Amino acid sequence: MAKIAKKENLESHIDYIPNDKLPNQAGVYVLVDIKTSKVYIGGTMNIRKRIANHRSLFKHKKHTNKILQKAYKEGCLCVYVLVTLPIPDKDKVKEVEKYFINAMPVLLPNDVLNKNS
């Protein structure tokens, strides 16, 4: 893996954020290419497991999102939790995820990488 783009991003880099620092519950997260500020927003029933899955796909060069794969290779991919949901409800997770996907272009002028945005 390439060097981390900025030292202050080390704690949130997808390779360096420990699993136990990620919530073991439903919620919405964002993957950020810190070099371009492009974002991918994801909702899941278990944030910890989903980020571990992303991490594995990136490490094995098998992630389907080529822009994120490139950001990972360049050491520029960070993960942040936007919100956790106390009750794991698949419909609620999708609703909150869609809210953030639709709101992100207003909050940030950069591209949202979600294909279904």
PDB file of N, CA and C in Angstrom:
ATOM      1  N   MET A   1       0.835  -1.181   0.000  1.00  0.00           N
ATOM      2  CA  MET A   1       0.000   0.000   0.000  1.00  0.00           C
ATOM      3  C   MET A   1       0.880   1.243   0.000  1.00  0.00           C
ATOM      4  N   ALA A   2       0.418   2.284  -0.646  1.00  0.00           N
ATOM      5  CA  ALA A   2       1.161   3.541  -0.716  1.00  0.00           C
ATOM      6  C   ALA A   2       1.109   4.280   0.612  1.00  0.00           C
ATOM      7  N   LYS A   3       1.923   5.331   0.725  1.00  0.00           N
ATOM      8  CA  LYS A   3       1.935   6.145   1.941  1.00  0.00           C
ATOM      9  C   LYS A   3       0.581   6.813   2.137  1.00  0.00           C
ATOM     10  N   ILE A   4       0.237   7.048   3.402  1.00  0.00           N
ATOM     11  CA  ILE A   4      -0.980   7.789   3.718  1.00  0.00           C
ATOM     12  C   ILE A   4      -0.781   9.225   3.254  1.00  0.00           C
ATOM     13  N   ALA A   5      -1.808   9.795   2.622  1.00  0.00           N
ATOM     14  CA  ALA A   5      -1.680  11.130   2.040  1.00  0.00           C
ATOM     15  C   ALA A   5      -1.295  12.189   3.073  1.00  0.00           C
ATOM     16  N   LYS A   6      -1.907  12.160   4.250  1.00  0.00           N
ATOM     17  CA  LYS A   6      -1.568  13.119   5.300  1.00  0.00           C
ATOM     18  C   LYS A   6      -1.504  12.378   6.624  1.00  0.00           C
ATOM     19  N   LYS A   7      -0.532  12.701   7.418  1.00  0.00           N
ATOM     20  CA  LYS A   7      -0.326  12.000   8.678  1.00  0.00           C
ATOM     21  C   LYS A   7      -1.539  12.087   9.596  1.00  0.00           C
ATOM     22  N   GLU A   8      -2.240  13.241   9.614  1.00  0.00           N
ATOM     23  CA  GLU A   8      -3.384  13.397  10.510  1.00  0.00           C
ATOM     24  C   GLU A   8      -4.558  12.501  10.125  1.00  0.00           C
ATOM     25  N   ASN A   9      -4.540  11.920   8.933  1.00  0.00           N
ATOM     26  CA  ASN A   9      -5.604  11.022   8.502  1.00  0.00           C
ATOM     27  C   ASN A   9      -5.330   9.567   8.874  1.00  0.00           C
ATOM     28  N   LEU A  10      -4.211   9.309   9.500  1.00  0.00           N
ATOM     29  CA  LEU A  10      -3.820   7.944   9.829  1.00  0.00           C
ATOM     30  C   LEU A  10      -4.872   7.217  10.658  1.00  0.00           C
ATOM     31  N   GLU A  11      -5.425   7.875  11.681  1.00  0.00           N
ATOM     32  CA  GLU A  11      -6.388   7.213  12.567  1.00  0.00           C
ATOM     33  C   GLU A  11      -7.661   6.793  11.856  1.00  0.00           C
ATOM     34  N   SER A  12      -8.060   7.505  10.827  1.00  0.00           N
ATOM     35  CA  SER A  12      -9.303   7.180  10.140  1.00  0.00           C
ATOM     36  C   SER A  12      -9.079   6.405   8.837  1.00  0.00           C
ATOM     37  N   HIS A  13      -7.813   6.154   8.484  1.00  0.00           N
ATOM     38  CA  HIS A  13      -7.538   5.392   7.267  1.00  0.00           C
ATOM     39  C   HIS A  13      -8.118   3.994   7.409  1.00  0.00           C
ATOM     40  N   ILE A  14      -8.715   3.488   6.352  1.00  0.00           N
ATOM     41  CA  ILE A  14      -9.420   2.208   6.411  1.00  0.00           C
ATOM     42  C   ILE A  14      -8.525   1.057   6.870  1.00  0.00           C
ATOM     43  N   ASP A  15      -7.227   1.118   6.604  1.00  0.00           N
ATOM     44  CA  ASP A  15      -6.323   0.051   7.046  1.00  0.00           C
ATOM     45  C   ASP A  15      -5.928   0.173   8.513  1.00  0.00           C
ATOM     46  N   TYR A  16      -6.053   1.351   9.079  1.00  0.00           N
ATOM     47  CA  TYR A  16      -5.521   1.573  10.421  1.00  0.00           C
ATOM     48  C   TYR A  16      -6.573   1.771  11.498  1.00  0.00           C
ATOM     49  N   ILE A  17      -7.822   1.958  11.124  1.00  0.00           N
ATOM     50  CA  ILE A  17      -8.862   2.086  12.135  1.00  0.00           C
ATOM     51  C   ILE A  17      -9.164   0.681  12.668  1.00  0.00           C
ATOM     52  N   PRO A  18      -8.956   0.459  13.955  1.00  0.00           N
ATOM     53  CA  PRO A  18      -9.164  -0.885  14.503  1.00  0.00           C
ATOM     54  C   PRO A  18     -10.639  -1.287  14.453  1.00  0.00           C
ATOM     55  N   ASN A  19     -10.880  -2.565  14.229  1.00  0.00           N
ATOM     56  CA  ASN A  19     -12.258  -3.053  14.193  1.00  0.00           C
ATOM     57  C   ASN A  19     -13.029  -2.688  15.447  1.00  0.00           C
ATOM     58  N   ASP A  20     -12.367  -2.748  16.613  1.00  0.00           N
ATOM     59  CA  ASP A  20     -13.090  -2.456  17.853  1.00  0.00           C
ATOM     60  C   ASP A  20     -13.440  -0.974  17.998  1.00  0.00           C
ATOM     61  N   LYS A  21     -12.925  -0.130  17.121  1.00  0.00           N
ATOM     62  CA  LYS A  21     -13.295   1.291  17.115  1.00  0.00           C
ATOM     63  C   LYS A  21     -14.515   1.538  16.222  1.00  0.00           C
ATOM     64  N   LEU A  22     -14.911   0.525  15.471  1.00  0.00           N
ATOM     65  CA  LEU A  22     -16.085   0.631  14.611  1.00  0.00           C
ATOM     66  C   LEU A  22     -17.287   0.015  15.319  1.00  0.00           C
ATOM     67  N   PRO A  23     -18.460   0.631  15.178  1.00  0.00           N
ATOM     68  CA  PRO A  23     -19.649   0.099  15.849  1.00  0.00           C
ATOM     69  C   PRO A  23     -20.039  -1.271  15.310  1.00  0.00           C
ATOM     70  N   ASN A  24     -20.420  -2.135  16.226  1.00  0.00           N
ATOM     71  CA  ASN A  24     -20.884  -3.471  15.883  1.00  0.00           C
ATOM     72  C   ASN A  24     -22.411  -3.425  15.802  1.00  0.00           C
ATOM     73  N   GLN A  25     -22.917  -2.473  15.006  1.00  0.00           N
ATOM     74  CA  GLN A  25     -24.360  -2.289  14.892  1.00  0.00           C
ATOM     75  C   GLN A  25     -24.701  -1.646  13.551  1.00  0.00           C
ATOM     76  N   ALA A  26     -25.982  -1.534  13.298  1.00  0.00           N
ATOM     77  CA  ALA A  26     -26.468  -0.959  12.046  1.00  0.00           C
ATOM     78  C   ALA A  26     -26.140   0.521  11.970  1.00  0.00           C
ATOM     79  N   GLY A  27     -26.012   1.020  10.738  1.00  0.00           N
ATOM     80  CA  GLY A  27     -25.761   2.444  10.581  1.00  0.00           C
ATOM     81  C   GLY A  27     -25.341   2.810   9.177  1.00  0.00           C
ATOM     82  N   VAL A  28     -24.890   4.048   9.045  1.00  0.00           N
ATOM     83  CA  VAL A  28     -24.455   4.587   7.760  1.00  0.00           C
ATOM     84  C   VAL A  28     -23.033   5.117   7.934  1.00  0.00           C
ATOM     85  N   TYR A  29     -22.180   4.811   6.967  1.00  0.00           N
ATOM     86  CA  TYR A  29     -20.775   5.210   7.005  1.00  0.00           C
ATOM     87  C   TYR A  29     -20.430   5.901   5.694  1.00  0.00           C
ATOM     88  N   VAL A  30     -19.285   6.534   5.673  1.00  0.00           N
ATOM     89  CA  VAL A  30     -18.807   7.161   4.442  1.00  0.00           C
ATOM     90  C   VAL A  30     -17.342   6.792   4.238  1.00  0.00           C
ATOM     91  N   LEU A  31     -17.010   6.426   3.012  1.00  0.00           N
ATOM     92  CA  LEU A  31     -15.620   6.224   2.608  1.00  0.00           C
ATOM     93  C   LEU A  31     -15.224   7.479   1.847  1.00  0.00           C
ATOM     94  N   VAL A  32     -14.116   8.080   2.235  1.00  0.00           N
ATOM     95  CA  VAL A  32     -13.688   9.351   1.652  1.00  0.00           C
ATOM     96  C   VAL A  32     -12.308   9.207   1.023  1.00  0.00           C
ATOM     97  N   ASP A  33     -12.209   9.607  -0.224  1.00  0.00           N
ATOM     98  CA  ASP A  33     -10.911   9.727  -0.880  1.00  0.00           C
ATOM     99  C   ASP A  33     -10.374  11.091  -0.454  1.00  0.00           C
ATOM    100  N   ILE A  34      -9.432  11.108   0.481  1.00  0.00           N
ATOM    101  CA  ILE A  34      -8.968  12.378   1.042  1.00  0.00           C
ATOM    102  C   ILE A  34      -8.164  13.208   0.047  1.00  0.00           C
ATOM    103  N   LYS A  35      -7.781  12.614  -1.058  1.00  0.00           N
ATOM    104  CA  LYS A  35      -7.048  13.349  -2.090  1.00  0.00           C
ATOM    105  C   LYS A  35      -8.006  14.159  -2.977  1.00  0.00           C
ATOM    106  N   THR A  36      -9.163  13.562  -3.304  1.00  0.00           N
ATOM    107  CA  THR A  36     -10.110  14.215  -4.218  1.00  0.00           C
ATOM    108  C   THR A  36     -11.386  14.682  -3.525  1.00  0.00           C
ATOM    109  N   SER A  37     -11.599  14.263  -2.291  1.00  0.00           N
ATOM    110  CA  SER A  37     -12.819  14.534  -1.513  1.00  0.00           C
ATOM    111  C   SER A  37     -14.055  13.834  -2.070  1.00  0.00           C
ATOM    112  N   LYS A  38     -13.871  12.874  -2.955  1.00  0.00           N
ATOM    113  CA  LYS A  38     -15.007  12.082  -3.426  1.00  0.00           C
ATOM    114  C   LYS A  38     -15.428  11.146  -2.302  1.00  0.00           C
ATOM    115  N   VAL A  39     -16.743  10.894  -2.214  1.00  0.00           N
ATOM    116  CA  VAL A  39     -17.262  10.090  -1.117  1.00  0.00           C
ATOM    117  C   VAL A  39     -18.138   8.956  -1.626  1.00  0.00           C
ATOM    118  N   TYR A  40     -18.146   7.883  -0.852  1.00  0.00           N
ATOM    119  CA  TYR A  40     -19.074   6.773  -1.059  1.00  0.00           C
ATOM    120  C   TYR A  40     -19.816   6.590   0.253  1.00  0.00           C
ATOM    121  N   ILE A  41     -21.130   6.580   0.194  1.00  0.00           N
ATOM    122  CA  ILE A  41     -21.952   6.435   1.389  1.00  0.00           C
ATOM    123  C   ILE A  41     -22.568   5.047   1.376  1.00  0.00           C
ATOM    124  N   GLY A  42     -22.464   4.352   2.507  1.00  0.00           N
ATOM    125  CA  GLY A  42     -23.018   3.008   2.602  1.00  0.00           C
ATOM    126  C   GLY A  42     -23.832   2.819   3.860  1.00  0.00           C
ATOM    127  N   GLY A  43     -24.864   2.028   3.735  1.00  0.00           N
ATOM    128  CA  GLY A  43     -25.676   1.646   4.886  1.00  0.00           C
ATOM    129  C   GLY A  43     -25.562   0.149   5.079  1.00  0.00           C
ATOM    130  N   THR A  44     -25.594  -0.283   6.321  1.00  0.00           N
ATOM    131  CA  THR A  44     -25.388  -1.698   6.608  1.00  0.00           C
ATOM    132  C   THR A  44     -26.022  -2.079   7.938  1.00  0.00           C
ATOM    133  N   MET A  45     -26.272  -3.350   8.092  1.00  0.00           N
ATOM    134  CA  MET A  45     -26.808  -3.855   9.353  1.00  0.00           C
ATOM    135  C   MET A  45     -25.700  -4.011  10.396  1.00  0.00           C
ATOM    136  N   ASN A  46     -24.440  -4.016   9.950  1.00  0.00           N
ATOM    137  CA  ASN A  46     -23.321  -4.123  10.883  1.00  0.00           C
ATOM    138  C   ASN A  46     -22.113  -3.384  10.289  1.00  0.00           C
ATOM    139  N   ILE A  47     -21.848  -2.198  10.799  1.00  0.00           N
ATOM    140  CA  ILE A  47     -20.773  -1.356  10.256  1.00  0.00           C
ATOM    141  C   ILE A  47     -19.421  -2.057  10.341  1.00  0.00           C
ATOM    142  N   ARG A  48     -19.129  -2.658  11.466  1.00  0.00           N
ATOM    143  CA  ARG A  48     -17.829  -3.315  11.652  1.00  0.00           C
ATOM    144  C   ARG A  48     -17.587  -4.388  10.589  1.00  0.00           C
ATOM    145  N   LYS A  49     -18.585  -5.243  10.377  1.00  0.00           N
ATOM    146  CA  LYS A  49     -18.434  -6.318   9.392  1.00  0.00           C
ATOM    147  C   LYS A  49     -18.340  -5.768   7.971  1.00  0.00           C
ATOM    148  N   ARG A  50     -19.108  -4.734   7.678  1.00  0.00           N
ATOM    149  CA  ARG A  50     -19.102  -4.185   6.316  1.00  0.00           C
ATOM    150  C   ARG A  50     -17.768  -3.528   5.988  1.00  0.00           C
ATOM    151  N   ILE A  51     -17.211  -2.789   6.936  1.00  0.00           N
ATOM    152  CA  ILE A  51     -15.911  -2.155   6.692  1.00  0.00           C
ATOM    153  C   ILE A  51     -14.831  -3.227   6.550  1.00  0.00           C
ATOM    154  N   ALA A  52     -14.920  -4.283   7.350  1.00  0.00           N
ATOM    155  CA  ALA A  52     -13.967  -5.393   7.225  1.00  0.00           C
ATOM    156  C   ALA A  52     -14.067  -6.023   5.834  1.00  0.00           C
ATOM    157  N   ASN A  53     -15.291  -6.125   5.310  1.00  0.00           N
ATOM    158  CA  ASN A  53     -15.493  -6.661   3.969  1.00  0.00           C
ATOM    159  C   ASN A  53     -14.881  -5.740   2.912  1.00  0.00           C
ATOM    160  N   HIS A  54     -15.145  -4.431   3.024  1.00  0.00           N
ATOM    161  CA  HIS A  54     -14.522  -3.470   2.098  1.00  0.00           C
ATOM    162  C   HIS A  54     -13.002  -3.623   2.144  1.00  0.00           C
ATOM    163  N   ARG A  55     -12.458  -3.654   3.357  1.00  0.00           N
ATOM    164  CA  ARG A  55     -11.004  -3.739   3.551  1.00  0.00           C
ATOM    165  C   ARG A  55     -10.432  -4.970   2.849  1.00  0.00           C
ATOM    166  N   SER A  56     -11.092  -6.102   3.012  1.00  0.00           N
ATOM    167  CA  SER A  56     -10.628  -7.339   2.386  1.00  0.00           C
ATOM    168  C   SER A  56     -10.656  -7.235   0.860  1.00  0.00           C
ATOM    169  N   LEU A  57     -11.736  -6.681   0.325  1.00  0.00           N
ATOM    170  CA  LEU A  57     -11.831  -6.513  -1.128  1.00  0.00           C
ATOM    171  C   LEU A  57     -10.733  -5.587  -1.646  1.00  0.00           C
ATOM    172  N   PHE A  58     -10.473  -4.502  -0.924  1.00  0.00           N
ATOM    173  CA  PHE A  58      -9.412  -3.574  -1.339  1.00  0.00           C
ATOM    174  C   PHE A  58      -8.052  -4.264  -1.321  1.00  0.00           C
ATOM    175  N   LYS A  59      -7.764  -4.974  -0.243  1.00  0.00           N
ATOM    176  CA  LYS A  59      -6.457  -5.622  -0.108  1.00  0.00           C
ATOM    177  C   LYS A  59      -6.209  -6.647  -1.207  1.00  0.00           C
ATOM    178  N   HIS A  60      -7.276  -7.316  -1.634  1.00  0.00           N
ATOM    179  CA  HIS A  60      -7.147  -8.342  -2.673  1.00  0.00           C
ATOM    180  C   HIS A  60      -7.426  -7.799  -4.078  1.00  0.00           C
ATOM    181  N   LYS A  61      -7.532  -6.462  -4.177  1.00  0.00           N
ATOM    182  CA  LYS A  61      -7.748  -5.778  -5.461  1.00  0.00           C
ATOM    183  C   LYS A  61      -8.988  -6.285  -6.181  1.00  0.00           C
ATOM    184  N   LYS A  62     -10.071  -6.507  -5.416  1.00  0.00           N
ATOM    185  CA  LYS A  62     -11.300  -7.052  -5.994  1.00  0.00           C
ATOM    186  C   LYS A  62     -12.517  -6.164  -5.755  1.00  0.00           C
ATOM    187  N   HIS A  63     -12.303  -4.946  -5.275  1.00  0.00           N
ATOM    188  CA  HIS A  63     -13.451  -4.069  -5.028  1.00  0.00           C
ATOM    189  C   HIS A  63     -14.063  -3.658  -6.360  1.00  0.00           C
ATOM    190  N   THR A  64     -15.390  -3.633  -6.423  1.00  0.00           N
ATOM    191  CA  THR A  64     -16.071  -3.320  -7.684  1.00  0.00           C
ATOM    192  C   THR A  64     -16.017  -1.837  -8.034  1.00  0.00           C
ATOM    193  N   ASN A  65     -15.791  -0.975  -7.052  1.00  0.00           N
ATOM    194  CA  ASN A  65     -15.706   0.462  -7.319  1.00  0.00           C
ATOM    195  C   ASN A  65     -14.240   0.808  -7.589  1.00  0.00           C
ATOM    196  N   LYS A  66     -13.918   0.999  -8.849  1.00  0.00           N
ATOM    197  CA  LYS A  66     -12.525   1.216  -9.267  1.00  0.00           C
ATOM    198  C   LYS A  66     -11.947   2.527  -8.735  1.00  0.00           C
ATOM    199  N   ILE A  67     -12.794   3.540  -8.555  1.00  0.00           N
ATOM    200  CA  ILE A  67     -12.311   4.819  -8.015  1.00  0.00           C
ATOM    201  C   ILE A  67     -11.875   4.637  -6.564  1.00  0.00           C
ATOM    202  N   LEU A  68     -12.679   3.909  -5.790  1.00  0.00           N
ATOM    203  CA  LEU A  68     -12.301   3.639  -4.400  1.00  0.00           C
ATOM    204  C   LEU A  68     -11.079   2.730  -4.333  1.00  0.00           C
ATOM    205  N   GLN A  69     -11.019   1.745  -5.227  1.00  0.00           N
ATOM    206  CA  GLN A  69      -9.862   0.843  -5.253  1.00  0.00           C
ATOM    207  C   GLN A  69      -8.586   1.633  -5.500  1.00  0.00           C
ATOM    208  N   LYS A  70      -8.650   2.594  -6.418  1.00  0.00           N
ATOM    209  CA  LYS A  70      -7.487   3.437  -6.719  1.00  0.00           C
ATOM    210  C   LYS A  70      -7.113   4.291  -5.508  1.00  0.00           C
ATOM    211  N   ALA A  71      -8.117   4.862  -4.839  1.00  0.00           N
ATOM    212  CA  ALA A  71      -7.857   5.682  -3.647  1.00  0.00           C
ATOM    213  C   ALA A  71      -7.190   4.841  -2.568  1.00  0.00           C
ATOM    214  N   TYR A  72      -7.645   3.599  -2.414  1.00  0.00           N
ATOM    215  CA  TYR A  72      -7.038   2.698  -1.436  1.00  0.00           C
ATOM    216  C   TYR A  72      -5.575   2.436  -1.799  1.00  0.00           C
ATOM    217  N   LYS A  73      -5.329   2.133  -3.059  1.00  0.00           N
ATOM    218  CA  LYS A  73      -3.962   1.839  -3.521  1.00  0.00           C
ATOM    219  C   LYS A  73      -3.031   3.018  -3.256  1.00  0.00           C
ATOM    220  N   GLU A  74      -3.561   4.232  -3.410  1.00  0.00           N
ATOM    221  CA  GLU A  74      -2.762   5.440  -3.206  1.00  0.00           C
ATOM    222  C   GLU A  74      -2.671   5.850  -1.739  1.00  0.00           C
ATOM    223  N   GLY A  75      -3.318   5.091  -0.850  1.00  0.00           N
ATOM    224  CA  GLY A  75      -3.258   5.402   0.578  1.00  0.00           C
ATOM    225  C   GLY A  75      -4.119   6.575   0.986  1.00  0.00           C
ATOM    226  N   CYS A  76      -5.174   6.824   0.223  1.00  0.00           N
ATOM    227  CA  CYS A  76      -5.992   8.022   0.445  1.00  0.00           C
ATOM    228  C   CYS A  76      -7.409   7.715   0.907  1.00  0.00           C
ATOM    229  N   LEU A  77      -7.701   6.498   1.355  1.00  0.00           N
ATOM    230  CA  LEU A  77      -9.081   6.134   1.667  1.00  0.00           C
ATOM    231  C   LEU A  77      -9.314   6.068   3.173  1.00  0.00           C
ATOM    232  N   CYS A  78     -10.226   6.917   3.639  1.00  0.00           N
ATOM    233  CA  CYS A  78     -10.578   6.966   5.057  1.00  0.00           C
ATOM    234  C   CYS A  78     -12.035   6.583   5.243  1.00  0.00           C
ATOM    235  N   VAL A  79     -12.367   6.141   6.451  1.00  0.00           N
ATOM    236  CA  VAL A  79     -13.736   5.751   6.773  1.00  0.00           C
ATOM    237  C   VAL A  79     -14.212   6.533   7.986  1.00  0.00           C
ATOM    238  N   TYR A  80     -15.460   6.981   7.908  1.00  0.00           N
ATOM    239  CA  TYR A  80     -16.093   7.701   9.013  1.00  0.00           C
ATOM    240  C   TYR A  80     -17.506   7.169   9.185  1.00  0.00           C
ATOM    241  N   VAL A  81     -17.941   7.042  10.424  1.00  0.00           N
ATOM    242  CA  VAL A  81     -19.310   6.631  10.713  1.00  0.00           C
ATOM    243  C   VAL A  81     -20.163   7.889  10.782  1.00  0.00           C
ATOM    244  N   LEU A  82     -21.227   7.932   9.987  1.00  0.00           N
ATOM    245  CA  LEU A  82     -22.125   9.086   9.996  1.00  0.00           C
ATOM    246  C   LEU A  82     -23.169   8.964  11.096  1.00  0.00           C
ATOM    247  N   VAL A  83     -23.758   7.775  11.229  1.00  0.00           N
ATOM    248  CA  VAL A  83     -24.809   7.579  12.225  1.00  0.00           C
ATOM    249  C   VAL A  83     -24.945   6.089  12.521  1.00  0.00           C
ATOM    250  N   THR A  84     -25.250   5.779  13.765  1.00  0.00           N
ATOM    251  CA  THR A  84     -25.579   4.404  14.124  1.00  0.00           C
ATOM    252  C   THR A  84     -27.055   4.360  14.488  1.00  0.00           C
ATOM    253  N   LEU A  85     -27.655   3.209  14.248  1.00  0.00           N
ATOM    254  CA  LEU A  85     -29.069   3.019  14.549  1.00  0.00           C
ATOM    255  C   LEU A  85     -29.193   1.987  15.658  1.00  0.00           C
ATOM    256  N   PRO A  86     -29.868   2.332  16.751  1.00  0.00           N
ATOM    257  CA  PRO A  86     -29.939   1.423  17.895  1.00  0.00           C
ATOM    258  C   PRO A  86     -30.712   0.141  17.615  1.00  0.00           C
ATOM    259  N   ILE A  87     -31.649   0.190  16.686  1.00  0.00           N
ATOM    260  CA  ILE A  87     -32.440  -0.995  16.350  1.00  0.00           C
ATOM    261  C   ILE A  87     -32.136  -1.374  14.902  1.00  0.00           C
ATOM    262  N   PRO A  88     -31.621  -2.589  14.681  1.00  0.00           N
ATOM    263  CA  PRO A  88     -31.272  -2.998  13.317  1.00  0.00           C
ATOM    264  C   PRO A  88     -32.520  -3.253  12.471  1.00  0.00           C
ATOM    265  N   ASP A  89     -32.884  -2.280  11.668  1.00  0.00           N
ATOM    266  CA  ASP A  89     -34.053  -2.367  10.793  1.00  0.00           C
ATOM    267  C   ASP A  89     -33.582  -2.058   9.373  1.00  0.00           C
ATOM    268  N   LYS A  90     -33.641  -3.071   8.506  1.00  0.00           N
ATOM    269  CA  LYS A  90     -33.115  -2.942   7.144  1.00  0.00           C
ATOM    270  C   LYS A  90     -33.742  -1.767   6.387  1.00  0.00           C
ATOM    271  N   ASP A  91     -35.047  -1.601   6.513  1.00  0.00           N
ATOM    272  CA  ASP A  91     -35.727  -0.504   5.816  1.00  0.00           C
ATOM    273  C   ASP A  91     -35.267   0.854   6.332  1.00  0.00           C
ATOM    274  N   LYS A  92     -35.074   0.968   7.633  1.00  0.00           N
ATOM    275  CA  LYS A  92     -34.622   2.235   8.225  1.00  0.00           C
ATOM    276  C   LYS A  92     -33.189   2.546   7.784  1.00  0.00           C
ATOM    277  N   VAL A  93     -32.338   1.531   7.742  1.00  0.00           N
ATOM    278  CA  VAL A  93     -30.955   1.725   7.280  1.00  0.00           C
ATOM    279  C   VAL A  93     -30.961   2.269   5.852  1.00  0.00           C
ATOM    280  N   LYS A  94     -31.759   1.662   4.970  1.00  0.00           N
ATOM    281  CA  LYS A  94     -31.839   2.118   3.573  1.00  0.00           C
ATOM    282  C   LYS A  94     -32.366   3.549   3.491  1.00  0.00           C
ATOM    283  N   GLU A  95     -33.351   3.866   4.318  1.00  0.00           N
ATOM    284  CA  GLU A  95     -33.931   5.212   4.333  1.00  0.00           C
ATOM    285  C   GLU A  95     -32.891   6.260   4.743  1.00  0.00           C
ATOM    286  N   VAL A  96     -32.145   5.969   5.798  1.00  0.00           N
ATOM    287  CA  VAL A  96     -31.125   6.906   6.284  1.00  0.00           C
ATOM    288  C   VAL A  96     -29.974   7.006   5.281  1.00  0.00           C
ATOM    289  N   GLU A  97     -29.567   5.883   4.707  1.00  0.00           N
ATOM    290  CA  GLU A  97     -28.512   5.887   3.688  1.00  0.00           C
ATOM    291  C   GLU A  97     -28.928   6.774   2.509  1.00  0.00           C
ATOM    292  N   LYS A  98     -30.148   6.593   2.029  1.00  0.00           N
ATOM    293  CA  LYS A  98     -30.647   7.389   0.898  1.00  0.00           C
ATOM    294  C   LYS A  98     -30.686   8.875   1.251  1.00  0.00           C
ATOM    295  N   TYR A  99     -31.053   9.184   2.487  1.00  0.00           N
ATOM    296  CA  TYR A  99     -31.074  10.578   2.939  1.00  0.00           C
ATOM    297  C   TYR A  99     -29.681  11.203   2.787  1.00  0.00           C
ATOM    298  N   PHE A 100     -28.660  10.509   3.282  1.00  0.00           N
ATOM    299  CA  PHE A 100     -27.292  11.036   3.194  1.00  0.00           C
ATOM    300  C   PHE A 100     -26.805  11.114   1.745  1.00  0.00           C
ATOM    301  N   ILE A 101     -27.146  10.125   0.931  1.00  0.00           N
ATOM    302  CA  ILE A 101     -26.744  10.158  -0.482  1.00  0.00           C
ATOM    303  C   ILE A 101     -27.341  11.381  -1.170  1.00  0.00           C
ATOM    304  N   ASN A 102     -28.611  11.646  -0.895  1.00  0.00           N
ATOM    305  CA  ASN A 102     -29.279  12.797  -1.513  1.00  0.00           C
ATOM    306  C   ASN A 102     -28.797  14.126  -0.945  1.00  0.00           C
ATOM    307  N   ALA A 103     -28.415  14.143   0.332  1.00  0.00           N
ATOM    308  CA  ALA A 103     -27.978  15.386   0.975  1.00  0.00           C
ATOM    309  C   ALA A 103     -26.523  15.731   0.662  1.00  0.00           C
ATOM    310  N   MET A 104     -25.711  14.746   0.378  1.00  0.00           N
ATOM    311  CA  MET A 104     -24.276  14.969   0.224  1.00  0.00           C
ATOM    312  C   MET A 104     -23.915  15.984  -0.859  1.00  0.00           C
ATOM    313  N   PRO A 105     -24.537  15.962  -2.036  1.00  0.00           N
ATOM    314  CA  PRO A 105     -24.173  16.979  -3.031  1.00  0.00           C
ATOM    315  C   PRO A 105     -24.449  18.407  -2.547  1.00  0.00           C
ATOM    316  N   VAL A 106     -25.385  18.560  -1.640  1.00  0.00           N
ATOM    317  CA  VAL A 106     -25.670  19.878  -1.071  1.00  0.00           C
ATOM    318  C   VAL A 106     -24.601  20.239  -0.040  1.00  0.00           C
ATOM    319  N   LEU A 107     -24.193  19.254   0.754  1.00  0.00           N
ATOM    320  CA  LEU A 107     -23.203  19.483   1.808  1.00  0.00           C
ATOM    321  C   LEU A 107     -21.794  19.650   1.253  1.00  0.00           C
ATOM    322  N   LEU A 108     -21.473  18.872   0.243  1.00  0.00           N
ATOM    323  CA  LEU A 108     -20.143  18.910  -0.383  1.00  0.00           C
ATOM    324  C   LEU A 108     -20.308  19.057  -1.886  1.00  0.00           C
ATOM    325  N   PRO A 109     -19.561  19.937  -2.503  1.00  0.00           N
ATOM    326  CA  PRO A 109     -19.699  20.123  -3.948  1.00  0.00           C
ATOM    327  C   PRO A 109     -18.998  19.041  -4.772  1.00  0.00           C
ATOM    328  N   ASN A 110     -18.467  18.025  -4.118  1.00  0.00           N
ATOM    329  CA  ASN A 110     -17.730  16.979  -4.829  1.00  0.00           C
ATOM    330  C   ASN A 110     -18.643  15.822  -5.186  1.00  0.00           C
ATOM    331  N   ASP A 111     -18.143  14.939  -6.014  1.00  0.00           N
ATOM    332  CA  ASP A 111     -18.929  13.806  -6.493  1.00  0.00           C
ATOM    333  C   ASP A 111     -19.222  12.800  -5.401  1.00  0.00           C
ATOM    334  N   VAL A 112     -20.454  12.292  -5.432  1.00  0.00           N
ATOM    335  CA  VAL A 112     -20.833  11.143  -4.622  1.00  0.00           C
ATOM    336  C   VAL A 112     -20.666   9.940  -5.542  1.00  0.00           C
ATOM    337  N   LEU A 113     -19.952   8.939  -5.087  1.00  0.00           N
ATOM    338  CA  LEU A 113     -19.601   7.811  -5.942  1.00  0.00           C
ATOM    339  C   LEU A 113     -20.651   6.709  -5.986  1.00  0.00           C
ATOM    340  N   ASN A 114     -21.718   6.826  -5.214  1.00  0.00           N
ATOM    341  CA  ASN A 114     -22.753   5.805  -5.225  1.00  0.00           C
ATOM    342  C   ASN A 114     -23.397   5.733  -6.606  1.00  0.00           C
ATOM    343  N   LYS A 115     -23.559   4.525  -7.102  1.00  0.00           N
ATOM    344  CA  LYS A 115     -24.149   4.337  -8.426  1.00  0.00           C
ATOM    345  C   LYS A 115     -25.646   4.613  -8.424  1.00  0.00           C
ATOM    346  N   ASN A 116     -26.287   4.433  -7.273  1.00  0.00           N
ATOM    347  CA  ASN A 116     -27.738   4.608  -7.208  1.00  0.00           C
ATOM    348  C   ASN A 116     -28.134   5.942  -6.600  1.00  0.00           C
ATOM    349  N   SER A 117     -27.267   6.930  -6.653  1.00  0.00           N
ATOM    350  CA  SER A 117     -27.579   8.223  -6.040  1.00  0.00           C
ATOM    351  C   SER A 117     -28.546   9.029  -6.885  1.00  0.00           C
TER     352      SER A 117
END
